[in-house]
Amino acid sequence: MNSRVVLERFPAGGPRGSWPAEEFARARRMEGQQAEVVMDLASDAFLVIVRDTEAAEVAAAA
């Protein structure tokens, strides 16, 4: 199954030079999760997601 879990949302209009979604995703990757950043055009936000079902279960349990 190709499921996704949204770990966190960040508004697209952040301060210049600030990449909070990328920083959050990097921190999750350092913890062993396969986090990535995607853009949700409908809500004009960056989402940090996990696509892997096993990793998603770990994120949901945390």
N, C-alpha and C. Protein backbone atom coordinates (compact mmCIF):
# COMPACT_ATOMS: atom_id res chain seq x y z
N MET A 1 0.85 -1.18 0.00
CA MET A 1 0.00 0.00 0.00
C MET A 1 0.90 1.24 0.00
N ASN A 2 0.54 2.23 -0.75
CA ASN A 2 1.31 3.47 -0.84
C ASN A 2 0.61 4.56 -0.04
N SER A 3 0.76 4.49 1.28
CA SER A 3 0.08 5.47 2.13
C SER A 3 1.01 6.62 2.49
N ARG A 4 0.41 7.70 2.95
CA ARG A 4 1.16 8.87 3.40
C ARG A 4 0.60 9.33 4.73
N VAL A 5 1.50 9.82 5.57
CA VAL A 5 1.10 10.42 6.83
C VAL A 5 1.72 11.80 6.88
N VAL A 6 0.91 12.82 7.15
CA VAL A 6 1.42 14.18 7.28
C VAL A 6 1.93 14.34 8.71
N LEU A 7 3.23 14.62 8.83
CA LEU A 7 3.84 14.82 10.14
C LEU A 7 3.65 16.25 10.63
N GLU A 8 3.73 17.21 9.69
CA GLU A 8 3.65 18.62 10.08
C GLU A 8 3.31 19.46 8.86
N ARG A 9 2.68 20.63 9.08
CA ARG A 9 2.34 21.61 8.03
C ARG A 9 3.07 22.90 8.31
N PHE A 10 3.54 23.55 7.26
CA PHE A 10 4.21 24.84 7.39
C PHE A 10 3.67 25.78 6.32
N PRO A 11 3.31 27.01 6.66
CA PRO A 11 2.82 27.96 5.66
C PRO A 11 3.90 28.25 4.62
N ALA A 12 3.46 28.42 3.39
CA ALA A 12 4.41 28.66 2.30
C ALA A 12 5.05 30.04 2.40
N GLY A 13 4.44 30.99 3.06
CA GLY A 13 4.95 32.35 3.12
C GLY A 13 5.84 32.61 4.32
N GLY A 14 6.78 31.72 4.58
CA GLY A 14 7.69 31.90 5.72
C GLY A 14 8.67 33.04 5.48
N PRO A 15 9.39 33.41 6.53
CA PRO A 15 10.38 34.49 6.39
C PRO A 15 11.45 34.16 5.36
N ARG A 16 11.94 35.19 4.69
CA ARG A 16 12.95 35.00 3.66
C ARG A 16 14.19 34.32 4.25
N GLY A 17 14.67 33.30 3.57
CA GLY A 17 15.85 32.57 4.02
C GLY A 17 15.56 31.51 5.06
N SER A 18 14.30 31.34 5.43
CA SER A 18 13.91 30.34 6.42
C SER A 18 13.26 29.15 5.72
N TRP A 19 13.66 27.95 6.05
CA TRP A 19 13.11 26.74 5.45
C TRP A 19 12.67 25.77 6.55
N PRO A 20 11.66 26.15 7.34
CA PRO A 20 11.28 25.32 8.49
C PRO A 20 10.83 23.91 8.10
N ALA A 21 10.14 23.75 6.98
CA ALA A 21 9.70 22.41 6.58
C ALA A 21 10.90 21.53 6.26
N GLU A 22 11.87 22.06 5.54
CA GLU A 22 13.07 21.29 5.21
C GLU A 22 13.86 20.94 6.48
N GLU A 23 13.94 21.88 7.41
CA GLU A 23 14.67 21.62 8.66
C GLU A 23 13.96 20.54 9.48
N PHE A 24 12.64 20.61 9.53
CA PHE A 24 11.86 19.60 10.26
C PHE A 24 12.05 18.23 9.62
N ALA A 25 11.97 18.17 8.28
CA ALA A 25 12.13 16.89 7.58
C ALA A 25 13.53 16.33 7.79
N ARG A 26 14.55 17.18 7.75
CA ARG A 26 15.92 16.73 7.98
C ARG A 26 16.07 16.13 9.37
N ALA A 27 15.47 16.76 10.36
CA ALA A 27 15.53 16.24 11.73
C ALA A 27 14.85 14.87 11.82
N ARG A 28 13.71 14.70 11.13
CA ARG A 28 13.04 13.39 11.15
C ARG A 28 13.89 12.34 10.44
N ARG A 29 14.56 12.72 9.33
CA ARG A 29 15.42 11.77 8.64
C ARG A 29 16.59 11.34 9.53
N MET A 30 17.10 12.26 10.33
CA MET A 30 18.19 11.92 11.24
C MET A 30 17.71 10.95 12.33
N GLU A 31 16.41 10.93 12.59
CA GLU A 31 15.81 9.99 13.54
C GLU A 31 15.47 8.65 12.89
N GLY A 32 15.67 8.55 11.57
CA GLY A 32 15.43 7.29 10.87
C GLY A 32 14.14 7.24 10.07
N GLN A 33 13.34 8.29 10.09
CA GLN A 33 12.12 8.31 9.28
C GLN A 33 12.44 8.77 7.87
N GLN A 34 11.68 8.30 6.91
CA GLN A 34 11.87 8.70 5.52
C GLN A 34 10.97 9.90 5.21
N ALA A 35 11.24 11.00 5.86
CA ALA A 35 10.41 12.20 5.70
C ALA A 35 10.81 12.97 4.47
N GLU A 36 9.82 13.57 3.83
CA GLU A 36 10.08 14.44 2.67
C GLU A 36 9.10 15.60 2.69
N VAL A 37 9.45 16.64 1.97
CA VAL A 37 8.61 17.85 1.90
C VAL A 37 7.90 17.87 0.55
N VAL A 38 6.60 18.11 0.61
CA VAL A 38 5.79 18.28 -0.61
C VAL A 38 4.99 19.56 -0.46
N MET A 39 4.58 20.11 -1.58
CA MET A 39 3.78 21.33 -1.59
C MET A 39 2.32 20.96 -1.79
N ASP A 40 1.47 21.49 -0.92
CA ASP A 40 0.02 21.34 -1.08
C ASP A 40 -0.49 22.65 -1.65
N LEU A 41 -0.73 22.68 -2.95
CA LEU A 41 -1.15 23.91 -3.62
C LEU A 41 -2.50 24.41 -3.12
N ALA A 42 -3.39 23.50 -2.80
CA ALA A 42 -4.74 23.89 -2.37
C ALA A 42 -4.70 24.72 -1.09
N SER A 43 -3.80 24.36 -0.16
CA SER A 43 -3.74 25.08 1.10
C SER A 43 -2.55 26.04 1.17
N ASP A 44 -1.76 26.11 0.11
CA ASP A 44 -0.58 26.97 0.04
C ASP A 44 0.33 26.71 1.25
N ALA A 45 0.64 25.41 1.44
CA ALA A 45 1.47 25.01 2.57
C ALA A 45 2.43 23.91 2.15
N PHE A 46 3.55 23.84 2.87
CA PHE A 46 4.49 22.74 2.70
C PHE A 46 4.13 21.68 3.73
N LEU A 47 4.07 20.44 3.29
CA LEU A 47 3.76 19.33 4.18
C LEU A 47 4.99 18.45 4.32
N VAL A 48 5.29 18.03 5.51
CA VAL A 48 6.33 17.03 5.73
C VAL A 48 5.59 15.71 5.87
N ILE A 49 5.89 14.78 4.96
CA ILE A 49 5.17 13.52 4.92
C ILE A 49 6.12 12.34 5.04
N VAL A 50 5.54 11.20 5.37
CA VAL A 50 6.23 9.91 5.33
C VAL A 50 5.38 9.04 4.42
N ARG A 51 5.99 8.47 3.38
CA ARG A 51 5.26 7.63 2.42
C ARG A 51 5.27 6.16 2.81
N ASP A 52 6.31 5.70 3.46
CA ASP A 52 6.47 4.30 3.80
C ASP A 52 5.45 3.89 4.86
N THR A 53 4.76 2.81 4.66
CA THR A 53 3.73 2.38 5.59
C THR A 53 4.31 2.07 6.96
N GLU A 54 5.44 1.39 7.03
CA GLU A 54 6.05 1.06 8.32
C GLU A 54 6.47 2.33 9.05
N ALA A 55 7.10 3.27 8.35
CA ALA A 55 7.52 4.52 8.96
C ALA A 55 6.30 5.32 9.39
N ALA A 56 5.23 5.24 8.62
CA ALA A 56 4.01 5.96 8.97
C ALA A 56 3.43 5.42 10.27
N GLU A 57 3.51 4.11 10.47
CA GLU A 57 3.02 3.53 11.71
C GLU A 57 3.85 4.00 12.90
N VAL A 58 5.15 4.11 12.72
CA VAL A 58 6.03 4.61 13.78
C VAL A 58 5.68 6.05 14.09
N ALA A 59 5.46 6.87 13.07
CA ALA A 59 5.13 8.29 13.27
C ALA A 59 3.78 8.43 13.97
N ALA A 60 2.83 7.61 13.61
CA ALA A 60 1.51 7.70 14.21
C ALA A 60 1.55 7.29 15.69
N ALA A 61 2.44 6.38 16.02
CA ALA A 61 2.54 5.92 17.40
C ALA A 61 3.24 6.94 18.29
N ALA A 62 4.04 7.83 17.69
CA ALA A 62 4.80 8.81 18.49
C ALA A 62 3.96 9.94 19.01
